[in-house]
Amino acid sequence: MTDCQRILIVDDHPLFRTGMRQLIEMAKDELELVAQASSGEEGIRLAAEQLPDMILLDLNMKDTSGIDVLKAVKSENADCRVIMVTVSDAAEDLVGALRAGADGYLLKDMEPPDLLAAIKNAARGQTVLSDKLIGLLVQAIRDDARPGSPEEAGLTEQEQKVLAQIAAGKSNKLIARALNISDATVKVHVKHILKKLNMNTRVEAAVWAIEKQT
């Protein structure tokens, strides 16, 4: 199918790669596994060769850090979605991955149906985060210097609308459609929003926006 998302798995644990492959095969109408890598170096090479839509990337591998792989992939293909899939629930790892450009952060101890659902949502353009990690990210944001409100941040009315869409987990393409503006305009708004909020990623902005709504 044309809408099928092409996926690359990068993980140095054979058993986990097998489990992920089996999960992906359960969603053949939406997901297609195009390659597997057992090391970070191989993952960077395959990402350049296969140009996948999404990479499921381990954070800690024997040969290199998943963060280094993430940065290398994003520098070559910024549109490729990279989801960290790891055992680490440490706040510094979570924040470090998101600030390096990760489009989501999932824990390996998630129930298989929940993990598959999150991967499907990521393939649809949503930002995904394990539920148990949201509190960690909220606390990390609170500990940093952040504006107290959209008004304090100086967000325009249109930027607030875009931020609301980001908080709903929408991709740039879906935001553009909802607000009847171009993808390029959405990208400009997102850039301005992150600068005004003193944040590096849309995930941080989404969590901040949701917290301000509650």
N, C-alpha and C. Protein backbone atom coordinates (compact mmCIF):
# COMPACT_ATOMS: atom_id res chain seq x y z
N MET A 1 0.83 -1.20 0.00
CA MET A 1 0.00 0.00 0.00
C MET A 1 0.87 1.25 0.00
N THR A 2 0.40 2.31 -0.62
CA THR A 2 1.18 3.54 -0.69
C THR A 2 1.33 4.21 0.67
N ASP A 3 0.36 4.00 1.56
CA ASP A 3 0.40 4.63 2.87
C ASP A 3 1.21 3.82 3.88
N CYS A 4 1.70 2.66 3.47
CA CYS A 4 2.44 1.79 4.37
C CYS A 4 3.77 2.46 4.75
N GLN A 5 4.04 2.54 6.04
CA GLN A 5 5.24 3.19 6.53
C GLN A 5 6.41 2.21 6.55
N ARG A 6 7.51 2.60 5.92
CA ARG A 6 8.70 1.76 5.82
C ARG A 6 9.56 1.95 7.07
N ILE A 7 9.85 0.83 7.74
CA ILE A 7 10.49 0.89 9.06
C ILE A 7 11.84 0.19 9.06
N LEU A 8 12.79 0.81 9.76
CA LEU A 8 14.10 0.22 10.03
C LEU A 8 14.23 0.03 11.53
N ILE A 9 14.64 -1.17 11.95
CA ILE A 9 14.89 -1.45 13.37
C ILE A 9 16.40 -1.42 13.59
N VAL A 10 16.84 -0.67 14.61
CA VAL A 10 18.26 -0.62 14.97
C VAL A 10 18.38 -1.00 16.45
N ASP A 11 18.86 -2.21 16.70
CA ASP A 11 18.94 -2.71 18.08
C ASP A 11 19.95 -3.86 18.10
N ASP A 12 20.80 -3.90 19.12
CA ASP A 12 21.83 -4.94 19.15
C ASP A 12 21.39 -6.21 19.87
N HIS A 13 20.11 -6.31 20.22
CA HIS A 13 19.59 -7.52 20.86
C HIS A 13 18.76 -8.32 19.86
N PRO A 14 19.25 -9.48 19.42
CA PRO A 14 18.54 -10.28 18.41
C PRO A 14 17.11 -10.65 18.82
N LEU A 15 16.92 -10.99 20.09
CA LEU A 15 15.60 -11.39 20.55
C LEU A 15 14.60 -10.24 20.44
N PHE A 16 15.06 -9.04 20.79
CA PHE A 16 14.15 -7.89 20.71
C PHE A 16 13.84 -7.57 19.25
N ARG A 17 14.84 -7.66 18.38
CA ARG A 17 14.58 -7.41 16.96
C ARG A 17 13.55 -8.39 16.42
N THR A 18 13.64 -9.63 16.85
CA THR A 18 12.68 -10.63 16.41
C THR A 18 11.28 -10.29 16.89
N GLY A 19 11.18 -9.88 18.14
CA GLY A 19 9.87 -9.51 18.69
C GLY A 19 9.28 -8.31 17.97
N MET A 20 10.12 -7.32 17.66
CA MET A 20 9.64 -6.14 16.95
C MET A 20 9.21 -6.50 15.53
N ARG A 21 9.95 -7.37 14.88
CA ARG A 21 9.57 -7.80 13.53
C ARG A 21 8.20 -8.48 13.55
N GLN A 22 7.97 -9.33 14.56
CA GLN A 22 6.68 -10.01 14.66
C GLN A 22 5.54 -9.02 14.91
N LEU A 23 5.81 -8.00 15.74
CA LEU A 23 4.80 -6.97 15.99
C LEU A 23 4.44 -6.23 14.70
N ILE A 24 5.48 -5.83 13.97
CA ILE A 24 5.26 -5.08 12.73
C ILE A 24 4.48 -5.91 11.71
N GLU A 25 4.77 -7.21 11.67
CA GLU A 25 4.07 -8.09 10.73
C GLU A 25 2.58 -8.19 11.05
N MET A 26 2.21 -7.87 12.30
CA MET A 26 0.80 -7.90 12.69
C MET A 26 0.04 -6.69 12.14
N ALA A 27 0.77 -5.72 11.61
CA ALA A 27 0.14 -4.51 11.08
C ALA A 27 0.60 -4.26 9.65
N LYS A 28 0.54 -5.29 8.82
CA LYS A 28 1.05 -5.22 7.45
C LYS A 28 0.34 -4.18 6.60
N ASP A 29 -0.88 -3.84 6.99
CA ASP A 29 -1.61 -2.83 6.22
C ASP A 29 -1.08 -1.42 6.45
N GLU A 30 -0.33 -1.23 7.56
CA GLU A 30 0.19 0.10 7.90
C GLU A 30 1.71 0.16 7.96
N LEU A 31 2.34 -0.96 8.28
CA LEU A 31 3.78 -0.96 8.55
C LEU A 31 4.49 -2.00 7.69
N GLU A 32 5.70 -1.64 7.26
CA GLU A 32 6.52 -2.56 6.47
C GLU A 32 7.95 -2.50 6.97
N LEU A 33 8.48 -3.63 7.42
CA LEU A 33 9.87 -3.68 7.87
C LEU A 33 10.78 -3.82 6.65
N VAL A 34 11.64 -2.82 6.43
CA VAL A 34 12.51 -2.87 5.25
C VAL A 34 13.92 -3.35 5.57
N ALA A 35 14.33 -3.23 6.85
CA ALA A 35 15.68 -3.66 7.21
C ALA A 35 15.84 -3.70 8.72
N GLN A 36 16.84 -4.48 9.16
CA GLN A 36 17.21 -4.54 10.57
C GLN A 36 18.71 -4.33 10.70
N ALA A 37 19.12 -3.63 11.74
CA ALA A 37 20.53 -3.40 11.99
C ALA A 37 20.87 -3.84 13.41
N SER A 38 22.01 -4.50 13.55
CA SER A 38 22.42 -5.00 14.86
C SER A 38 23.43 -4.10 15.54
N SER A 39 23.73 -2.95 14.92
CA SER A 39 24.67 -2.01 15.51
C SER A 39 24.32 -0.60 15.04
N GLY A 40 24.83 0.38 15.76
CA GLY A 40 24.58 1.76 15.38
C GLY A 40 25.19 2.11 14.04
N GLU A 41 26.42 1.63 13.80
CA GLU A 41 27.10 1.91 12.52
C GLU A 41 26.32 1.32 11.35
N GLU A 42 25.85 0.10 11.52
CA GLU A 42 25.05 -0.54 10.46
C GLU A 42 23.73 0.21 10.28
N GLY A 43 23.17 0.69 11.38
CA GLY A 43 21.91 1.42 11.31
C GLY A 43 22.05 2.71 10.50
N ILE A 44 23.14 3.44 10.70
CA ILE A 44 23.38 4.67 9.94
C ILE A 44 23.52 4.35 8.45
N ARG A 45 24.23 3.27 8.15
CA ARG A 45 24.42 2.88 6.74
C ARG A 45 23.10 2.49 6.10
N LEU A 46 22.31 1.67 6.78
CA LEU A 46 21.04 1.22 6.23
C LEU A 46 20.04 2.36 6.11
N ALA A 47 20.10 3.32 7.04
CA ALA A 47 19.20 4.47 6.96
C ALA A 47 19.48 5.27 5.69
N ALA A 48 20.77 5.39 5.33
CA ALA A 48 21.15 6.11 4.12
C ALA A 48 20.76 5.34 2.86
N GLU A 49 20.84 4.01 2.94
CA GLU A 49 20.53 3.18 1.77
C GLU A 49 19.03 3.02 1.56
N GLN A 50 18.30 2.76 2.64
CA GLN A 50 16.89 2.41 2.54
C GLN A 50 15.95 3.61 2.61
N LEU A 51 16.41 4.73 3.19
CA LEU A 51 15.59 5.93 3.38
C LEU A 51 14.22 5.57 3.98
N PRO A 52 14.22 4.97 5.16
CA PRO A 52 12.94 4.57 5.79
C PRO A 52 12.13 5.78 6.23
N ASP A 53 10.83 5.56 6.40
CA ASP A 53 9.96 6.62 6.93
C ASP A 53 10.17 6.77 8.43
N MET A 54 10.51 5.64 9.09
CA MET A 54 10.63 5.66 10.55
C MET A 54 11.69 4.66 10.99
N ILE A 55 12.43 5.03 12.05
CA ILE A 55 13.44 4.15 12.63
C ILE A 55 13.07 3.90 14.09
N LEU A 56 13.07 2.63 14.48
CA LEU A 56 12.89 2.24 15.88
C LEU A 56 14.29 1.96 16.40
N LEU A 57 14.78 2.83 17.29
CA LEU A 57 16.19 2.88 17.64
C LEU A 57 16.44 2.64 19.13
N ASP A 58 17.33 1.71 19.42
CA ASP A 58 17.73 1.45 20.81
C ASP A 58 18.60 2.61 21.30
N LEU A 59 18.49 2.94 22.56
CA LEU A 59 19.25 4.07 23.11
C LEU A 59 20.69 3.68 23.41
N ASN A 60 20.88 2.50 24.00
CA ASN A 60 22.21 2.07 24.41
C ASN A 60 22.62 0.80 23.67
N MET A 61 23.63 0.95 22.80
CA MET A 61 24.16 -0.20 22.06
C MET A 61 25.65 -0.33 22.31
N LYS A 62 26.19 -1.50 22.03
CA LYS A 62 27.58 -1.77 22.39
C LYS A 62 28.56 -0.91 21.61
N ASP A 63 28.27 -0.65 20.33
CA ASP A 63 29.26 0.03 19.51
C ASP A 63 29.13 1.55 19.55
N THR A 64 27.92 2.04 19.77
CA THR A 64 27.74 3.50 19.76
C THR A 64 26.45 3.87 20.47
N SER A 65 26.34 5.12 20.84
CA SER A 65 25.13 5.60 21.50
C SER A 65 24.01 5.79 20.49
N GLY A 66 22.79 5.47 20.91
CA GLY A 66 21.64 5.71 20.06
C GLY A 66 21.48 7.19 19.74
N ILE A 67 21.91 8.04 20.65
CA ILE A 67 21.84 9.49 20.41
C ILE A 67 22.72 9.88 19.23
N ASP A 68 23.90 9.28 19.14
CA ASP A 68 24.80 9.57 18.01
C ASP A 68 24.17 9.11 16.69
N VAL A 69 23.52 7.96 16.73
CA VAL A 69 22.84 7.44 15.54
C VAL A 69 21.70 8.38 15.16
N LEU A 70 20.94 8.80 16.16
CA LEU A 70 19.83 9.73 15.95
C LEU A 70 20.31 11.00 15.26
N LYS A 71 21.36 11.59 15.78
CA LYS A 71 21.88 12.84 15.20
C LYS A 71 22.37 12.63 13.78
N ALA A 72 23.03 11.51 13.54
CA ALA A 72 23.56 11.23 12.21
C ALA A 72 22.41 11.06 11.21
N VAL A 73 21.38 10.34 11.61
CA VAL A 73 20.23 10.11 10.73
C VAL A 73 19.51 11.42 10.43
N LYS A 74 19.25 12.20 11.47
CA LYS A 74 18.53 13.46 11.30
C LYS A 74 19.30 14.46 10.44
N SER A 75 20.64 14.41 10.52
CA SER A 75 21.44 15.34 9.73
C SER A 75 21.35 15.03 8.24
N GLU A 76 21.08 13.76 7.90
CA GLU A 76 20.98 13.35 6.51
C GLU A 76 19.55 13.35 6.00
N ASN A 77 18.60 13.05 6.90
CA ASN A 77 17.20 12.94 6.49
C ASN A 77 16.31 13.45 7.63
N ALA A 78 16.10 14.74 7.65
CA ALA A 78 15.36 15.36 8.76
C ALA A 78 13.91 14.90 8.83
N ASP A 79 13.36 14.43 7.71
CA ASP A 79 11.96 14.01 7.68
C ASP A 79 11.75 12.60 8.23
N CYS A 80 12.82 11.84 8.38
CA CYS A 80 12.70 10.49 8.92
C CYS A 80 12.34 10.57 10.41
N ARG A 81 11.27 9.89 10.79
CA ARG A 81 10.86 9.88 12.19
C ARG A 81 11.69 8.84 12.94
N VAL A 82 12.24 9.24 14.09
CA VAL A 82 13.08 8.34 14.89
C VAL A 82 12.45 8.18 16.26
N ILE A 83 12.09 6.95 16.59
CA ILE A 83 11.48 6.64 17.88
C ILE A 83 12.47 5.83 18.71
N MET A 84 12.85 6.35 19.85
CA MET A 84 13.73 5.60 20.74
C MET A 84 12.91 4.52 21.44
N VAL A 85 13.43 3.29 21.44
CA VAL A 85 12.79 2.17 22.13
C VAL A 85 13.84 1.58 23.05
N THR A 86 13.66 1.75 24.36
CA THR A 86 14.75 1.48 25.29
C THR A 86 14.24 0.96 26.63
N VAL A 87 15.17 0.51 27.46
CA VAL A 87 14.81 0.08 28.82
C VAL A 87 14.98 1.23 29.81
N SER A 88 15.62 2.31 29.39
CA SER A 88 15.95 3.40 30.31
C SER A 88 14.77 4.34 30.53
N ASP A 89 14.38 4.48 31.80
CA ASP A 89 13.35 5.45 32.16
C ASP A 89 13.96 6.62 32.95
N ALA A 90 15.27 6.83 32.75
CA ALA A 90 15.96 7.94 33.42
C ALA A 90 15.59 9.25 32.75
N ALA A 91 15.31 10.26 33.56
CA ALA A 91 14.89 11.56 33.03
C ALA A 91 15.93 12.16 32.10
N GLU A 92 17.23 12.01 32.45
CA GLU A 92 18.27 12.61 31.63
C GLU A 92 18.34 11.96 30.24
N ASP A 93 18.06 10.63 30.18
CA ASP A 93 18.06 9.95 28.89
C ASP A 93 16.86 10.40 28.05
N LEU A 94 15.71 10.49 28.70
CA LEU A 94 14.49 10.93 28.01
C LEU A 94 14.67 12.33 27.43
N VAL A 95 15.07 13.27 28.27
CA VAL A 95 15.21 14.65 27.83
C VAL A 95 16.33 14.77 26.79
N GLY A 96 17.42 14.04 27.00
CA GLY A 96 18.53 14.09 26.06
C GLY A 96 18.14 13.61 24.68
N ALA A 97 17.35 12.54 24.63
CA ALA A 97 16.91 12.00 23.34
C ALA A 97 15.97 12.97 22.64
N LEU A 98 15.03 13.53 23.38
CA LEU A 98 14.06 14.44 22.77
C LEU A 98 14.75 15.71 22.28
N ARG A 99 15.70 16.21 23.05
CA ARG A 99 16.41 17.43 22.65
C ARG A 99 17.36 17.17 21.47
N ALA A 100 17.72 15.91 21.28
CA ALA A 100 18.58 15.57 20.13
C ALA A 100 17.76 15.37 18.86
N GLY A 101 16.42 15.41 19.01
CA GLY A 101 15.57 15.32 17.82
C GLY A 101 14.69 14.10 17.72
N ALA A 102 14.64 13.25 18.77
CA ALA A 102 13.78 12.06 18.71
C ALA A 102 12.32 12.47 18.60
N ASP A 103 11.56 11.69 17.84
CA ASP A 103 10.13 11.97 17.64
C ASP A 103 9.25 11.18 18.61
N GLY A 104 9.87 10.45 19.50
CA GLY A 104 9.13 9.69 20.49
C GLY A 104 10.08 8.89 21.35
N TYR A 105 9.57 8.37 22.48
CA TYR A 105 10.41 7.64 23.42
C TYR A 105 9.53 6.58 24.07
N LEU A 106 9.80 5.32 23.75
CA LEU A 106 8.98 4.21 24.25
C LEU A 106 9.85 3.25 25.05
N LEU A 107 9.25 2.64 26.06
CA LEU A 107 9.97 1.69 26.91
C LEU A 107 9.73 0.26 26.45
N LYS A 108 10.78 -0.54 26.54
CA LYS A 108 10.70 -1.92 26.07
C LYS A 108 9.80 -2.79 26.94
N ASP A 109 9.50 -2.33 28.16
CA ASP A 109 8.65 -3.15 29.02
C ASP A 109 7.16 -2.89 28.81
N MET A 110 6.81 -2.11 27.78
CA MET A 110 5.40 -1.90 27.45
C MET A 110 4.77 -3.22 27.00
N GLU A 111 3.48 -3.37 27.25
CA GLU A 111 2.77 -4.55 26.75
C GLU A 111 2.79 -4.51 25.22
N PRO A 112 3.01 -5.65 24.57
CA PRO A 112 3.10 -5.67 23.10
C PRO A 112 1.97 -4.95 22.38
N PRO A 113 0.69 -5.12 22.78
CA PRO A 113 -0.36 -4.38 22.07
C PRO A 113 -0.22 -2.87 22.22
N ASP A 114 0.22 -2.42 23.41
CA ASP A 114 0.41 -0.99 23.63
C ASP A 114 1.59 -0.46 22.81
N LEU A 115 2.65 -1.26 22.73
CA LEU A 115 3.82 -0.86 21.96
C LEU A 115 3.46 -0.76 20.48
N LEU A 116 2.72 -1.73 19.97
CA LEU A 116 2.31 -1.70 18.57
C LEU A 116 1.40 -0.50 18.29
N ALA A 117 0.49 -0.22 19.21
CA ALA A 117 -0.41 0.93 19.04
C ALA A 117 0.40 2.22 18.98
N ALA A 118 1.41 2.33 19.83
CA ALA A 118 2.25 3.54 19.84
C ALA A 118 3.03 3.67 18.54
N ILE A 119 3.54 2.56 18.03
CA ILE A 119 4.28 2.58 16.76
C ILE A 119 3.36 3.00 15.62
N LYS A 120 2.13 2.50 15.63
CA LYS A 120 1.15 2.90 14.61
C LYS A 120 0.87 4.39 14.68
N ASN A 121 0.72 4.90 15.90
CA ASN A 121 0.46 6.34 16.07
C ASN A 121 1.64 7.16 15.57
N ALA A 122 2.85 6.68 15.85
CA ALA A 122 4.04 7.37 15.36
C ALA A 122 4.08 7.38 13.84
N ALA A 123 3.67 6.27 13.24
CA ALA A 123 3.64 6.17 11.77
C ALA A 123 2.63 7.14 11.18
N ARG A 124 1.60 7.49 11.94
CA ARG A 124 0.58 8.43 11.47
C ARG A 124 0.99 9.88 11.70
N GLY A 125 2.19 10.07 12.25
CA GLY A 125 2.70 11.42 12.43
C GLY A 125 2.59 11.95 13.84
N GLN A 126 2.09 11.12 14.77
CA GLN A 126 1.95 11.59 16.14
C GLN A 126 3.26 11.44 16.91
N THR A 127 3.43 12.29 17.91
CA THR A 127 4.54 12.16 18.83
C THR A 127 4.14 11.17 19.91
N VAL A 128 4.99 10.17 20.17
CA VAL A 128 4.62 9.12 21.11
C VAL A 128 5.58 9.10 22.30
N LEU A 129 5.00 8.84 23.47
CA LEU A 129 5.77 8.82 24.72
C LEU A 129 5.09 7.84 25.66
N SER A 130 5.86 6.95 26.27
CA SER A 130 5.29 6.02 27.24
C SER A 130 4.62 6.80 28.36
N ASP A 131 3.42 6.36 28.76
CA ASP A 131 2.64 7.09 29.76
C ASP A 131 3.43 7.36 31.04
N LYS A 132 4.20 6.39 31.49
CA LYS A 132 4.91 6.53 32.76
C LYS A 132 6.02 7.58 32.70
N LEU A 133 6.36 8.03 31.49
CA LEU A 133 7.44 9.01 31.34
C LEU A 133 6.95 10.44 31.29
N ILE A 134 5.65 10.64 31.13
CA ILE A 134 5.12 12.00 30.99
C ILE A 134 5.44 12.84 32.23
N GLY A 135 5.27 12.24 33.41
CA GLY A 135 5.57 12.95 34.65
C GLY A 135 7.02 13.38 34.73
N LEU A 136 7.93 12.51 34.26
CA LEU A 136 9.35 12.84 34.27
C LEU A 136 9.63 14.05 33.38
N LEU A 137 8.99 14.07 32.21
CA LEU A 137 9.23 15.17 31.28
C LEU A 137 8.63 16.47 31.81
N VAL A 138 7.47 16.37 32.41
CA VAL A 138 6.85 17.57 33.00
C VAL A 138 7.77 18.17 34.06
N GLN A 139 8.33 17.32 34.92
CA GLN A 139 9.21 17.80 35.98
C GLN A 139 10.47 18.42 35.40
N ALA A 140 11.02 17.80 34.34
CA ALA A 140 12.22 18.34 33.72
C ALA A 140 11.96 19.72 33.13
N ILE A 141 10.78 19.88 32.53
CA ILE A 141 10.42 21.18 31.97
C ILE A 141 10.25 22.22 33.07
N ARG A 142 9.63 21.81 34.18
CA ARG A 142 9.44 22.73 35.31
C ARG A 142 10.76 23.20 35.87
N ASP A 143 11.76 22.30 35.86
CA ASP A 143 13.05 22.64 36.43
C ASP A 143 13.83 23.64 35.58
N ASP A 144 13.47 23.74 34.31
CA ASP A 144 14.12 24.69 33.42
C ASP A 144 13.39 26.03 33.45
N ALA A 145 14.03 27.04 32.89
CA ALA A 145 13.40 28.36 32.82
C ALA A 145 12.41 28.36 31.66
N ARG A 146 11.13 28.36 31.97
CA ARG A 146 10.08 28.32 30.96
C ARG A 146 9.06 29.42 31.24
N PRO A 147 8.44 29.97 30.17
CA PRO A 147 7.37 30.94 30.39
C PRO A 147 6.20 30.30 31.14
N GLY A 148 5.47 31.11 31.88
CA GLY A 148 4.37 30.59 32.67
C GLY A 148 3.07 30.44 31.90
N SER A 149 2.97 31.08 30.73
CA SER A 149 1.73 31.03 29.96
C SER A 149 2.04 31.39 28.51
N PRO A 150 1.11 31.07 27.59
CA PRO A 150 1.31 31.47 26.18
C PRO A 150 1.47 32.98 26.03
N GLU A 151 0.73 33.72 26.85
CA GLU A 151 0.82 35.18 26.79
C GLU A 151 2.20 35.66 27.24
N GLU A 152 2.69 35.06 28.32
CA GLU A 152 4.02 35.41 28.82
C GLU A 152 5.10 35.07 27.80
N ALA A 153 4.87 34.00 27.04
CA ALA A 153 5.83 33.59 26.01
C ALA A 153 5.76 34.50 24.79
N GLY A 154 4.68 35.25 24.68
CA GLY A 154 4.53 36.14 23.53
C GLY A 154 4.05 35.43 22.29
N LEU A 155 3.33 34.31 22.46
CA LEU A 155 2.82 33.56 21.32
C LEU A 155 1.66 34.32 20.66
N THR A 156 1.69 34.39 19.34
CA THR A 156 0.59 35.02 18.62
C THR A 156 -0.62 34.09 18.63
N GLU A 157 -1.76 34.59 18.20
CA GLU A 157 -2.97 33.78 18.17
C GLU A 157 -2.78 32.56 17.27
N GLN A 158 -2.14 32.77 16.11
CA GLN A 158 -1.92 31.65 15.19
C GLN A 158 -0.93 30.65 15.78
N GLU A 159 0.09 31.14 16.47
CA GLU A 159 1.06 30.24 17.10
C GLU A 159 0.39 29.42 18.19
N GLN A 160 -0.55 30.02 18.92
CA GLN A 160 -1.27 29.26 19.94
C GLN A 160 -2.13 28.18 19.31
N LYS A 161 -2.70 28.46 18.15
CA LYS A 161 -3.49 27.44 17.44
C LYS A 161 -2.60 26.28 17.00
N VAL A 162 -1.42 26.63 16.48
CA VAL A 162 -0.48 25.60 16.06
C VAL A 162 -0.02 24.78 17.26
N LEU A 163 0.26 25.45 18.38
CA LEU A 163 0.69 24.75 19.60
C LEU A 163 -0.38 23.79 20.08
N ALA A 164 -1.65 24.19 20.00
CA ALA A 164 -2.75 23.31 20.40
C ALA A 164 -2.77 22.06 19.54
N GLN A 165 -2.47 22.23 18.26
CA GLN A 165 -2.43 21.07 17.36
C GLN A 165 -1.24 20.17 17.68
N ILE A 166 -0.11 20.79 18.03
CA ILE A 166 1.07 20.01 18.44
C ILE A 166 0.74 19.20 19.69
N ALA A 167 0.06 19.84 20.63
CA ALA A 167 -0.32 19.16 21.88
C ALA A 167 -1.25 17.99 21.62
N ALA A 168 -2.00 18.06 20.52
CA ALA A 168 -2.90 16.96 20.16
C ALA A 168 -2.17 15.85 19.41
N GLY A 169 -0.84 16.03 19.23
CA GLY A 169 -0.04 15.00 18.58
C GLY A 169 -0.07 15.03 17.08
N LYS A 170 -0.48 16.16 16.49
CA LYS A 170 -0.61 16.25 15.04
C LYS A 170 0.75 16.51 14.37
N SER A 171 0.94 15.94 13.20
CA SER A 171 2.12 16.19 12.39
C SER A 171 1.96 17.53 11.68
N ASN A 172 3.05 18.04 11.11
CA ASN A 172 2.98 19.31 10.39
C ASN A 172 1.95 19.25 9.26
N LYS A 173 1.90 18.13 8.56
CA LYS A 173 0.98 17.99 7.45
C LYS A 173 -0.47 18.08 7.92
N LEU A 174 -0.76 17.43 9.04
CA LEU A 174 -2.13 17.45 9.58
C LEU A 174 -2.48 18.83 10.14
N ILE A 175 -1.49 19.50 10.74
CA ILE A 175 -1.72 20.86 11.25
C ILE A 175 -2.04 21.80 10.09
N ALA A 176 -1.26 21.68 9.02
CA ALA A 176 -1.48 22.52 7.84
C ALA A 176 -2.89 22.34 7.30
N ARG A 177 -3.33 21.09 7.26
CA ARG A 177 -4.67 20.79 6.75
C ARG A 177 -5.74 21.37 7.67
N ALA A 178 -5.53 21.22 8.99
CA ALA A 178 -6.54 21.69 9.95
C ALA A 178 -6.67 23.21 9.96
N LEU A 179 -5.54 23.91 9.79
CA LEU A 179 -5.54 25.37 9.87
C LEU A 179 -5.57 26.04 8.49
N ASN A 180 -5.61 25.21 7.45
CA ASN A 180 -5.68 25.73 6.08
C ASN A 180 -4.49 26.63 5.74
N ILE A 181 -3.30 26.14 6.11
CA ILE A 181 -2.06 26.86 5.78
C ILE A 181 -1.09 25.85 5.18
N SER A 182 0.02 26.31 4.67
CA SER A 182 0.98 25.41 4.02
C SER A 182 1.88 24.72 5.05
N ASP A 183 2.47 23.59 4.63
CA ASP A 183 3.42 22.89 5.49
C ASP A 183 4.58 23.80 5.87
N ALA A 184 5.03 24.60 4.91
CA ALA A 184 6.17 25.50 5.15
C ALA A 184 5.83 26.53 6.22
N THR A 185 4.59 27.03 6.19
CA THR A 185 4.16 28.01 7.19
C THR A 185 4.10 27.37 8.57
N VAL A 186 3.64 26.13 8.63
CA VAL A 186 3.60 25.41 9.91
C VAL A 186 5.02 25.28 10.47
N LYS A 187 5.97 24.92 9.63
CA LYS A 187 7.35 24.76 10.08
C LYS A 187 7.90 26.06 10.66
N VAL A 188 7.57 27.18 10.03
CA VAL A 188 8.01 28.48 10.53
C VAL A 188 7.39 28.76 11.90
N HIS A 189 6.08 28.49 12.03
CA HIS A 189 5.41 28.70 13.32
C HIS A 189 6.02 27.82 14.42
N VAL A 190 6.28 26.56 14.09
CA VAL A 190 6.85 25.64 15.09
C VAL A 190 8.22 26.15 15.54
N LYS A 191 9.02 26.62 14.60
CA LYS A 191 10.34 27.16 14.94
C LYS A 191 10.22 28.35 15.88
N HIS A 192 9.28 29.25 15.60
CA HIS A 192 9.09 30.42 16.46
C HIS A 192 8.56 30.03 17.84
N ILE A 193 7.65 29.07 17.87
CA ILE A 193 7.08 28.60 19.14
C ILE A 193 8.18 28.04 20.04
N LEU A 194 9.01 27.17 19.49
CA LEU A 194 10.08 26.56 20.28
C LEU A 194 11.07 27.61 20.80
N LYS A 195 11.35 28.60 19.96
CA LYS A 195 12.28 29.66 20.38
C LYS A 195 11.67 30.47 21.52
N LYS A 196 10.39 30.82 21.42
CA LYS A 196 9.74 31.62 22.45
C LYS A 196 9.57 30.84 23.76
N LEU A 197 9.41 29.53 23.65
CA LEU A 197 9.23 28.71 24.85
C LEU A 197 10.57 28.25 25.44
N ASN A 198 11.68 28.57 24.74
CA ASN A 198 13.00 28.12 25.17
C ASN A 198 13.08 26.61 25.24
N MET A 199 12.59 25.98 24.16
CA MET A 199 12.57 24.53 24.07
C MET A 199 13.21 24.09 22.77
N ASN A 200 13.61 22.82 22.74
CA ASN A 200 14.28 22.29 21.55
C ASN A 200 13.40 21.36 20.72
N THR A 201 12.37 20.79 21.32
CA THR A 201 11.56 19.80 20.59
C THR A 201 10.08 20.06 20.76
N ARG A 202 9.30 19.60 19.80
CA ARG A 202 7.86 19.75 19.84
C ARG A 202 7.24 18.89 20.96
N VAL A 203 7.94 17.82 21.36
CA VAL A 203 7.43 16.99 22.46
C VAL A 203 7.40 17.80 23.75
N GLU A 204 8.47 18.53 24.01
CA GLU A 204 8.51 19.40 25.19
C GLU A 204 7.40 20.44 25.12
N ALA A 205 7.22 21.02 23.94
CA ALA A 205 6.18 22.04 23.77
C ALA A 205 4.80 21.44 23.99
N ALA A 206 4.59 20.22 23.51
CA ALA A 206 3.29 19.56 23.68
C ALA A 206 2.98 19.31 25.15
N VAL A 207 3.97 18.79 25.87
CA VAL A 207 3.76 18.52 27.30
C VAL A 207 3.51 19.83 28.06
N TRP A 208 4.27 20.87 27.73
CA TRP A 208 4.08 22.18 28.37
C TRP A 208 2.66 22.69 28.12
N ALA A 209 2.21 22.59 26.86
CA ALA A 209 0.89 23.08 26.51
C ALA A 209 -0.22 22.31 27.24
N ILE A 210 -0.05 21.00 27.31
CA ILE A 210 -1.05 20.17 28.00
C ILE A 210 -1.12 20.52 29.48
N GLU A 211 0.07 20.75 30.09
CA GLU A 211 0.11 21.10 31.50
C GLU A 211 -0.59 22.43 31.74
N LYS A 212 -0.44 23.39 30.83
CA LYS A 212 -1.07 24.70 30.99
C LYS A 212 -2.57 24.63 30.82
N GLN A 213 -3.06 23.58 30.16
CA GLN A 213 -4.49 23.41 29.96
C GLN A 213 -5.16 22.83 31.20
N THR A 214 -4.37 22.17 32.06
CA THR A 214 -4.95 21.48 33.21
C THR A 214 -4.96 22.38 34.45
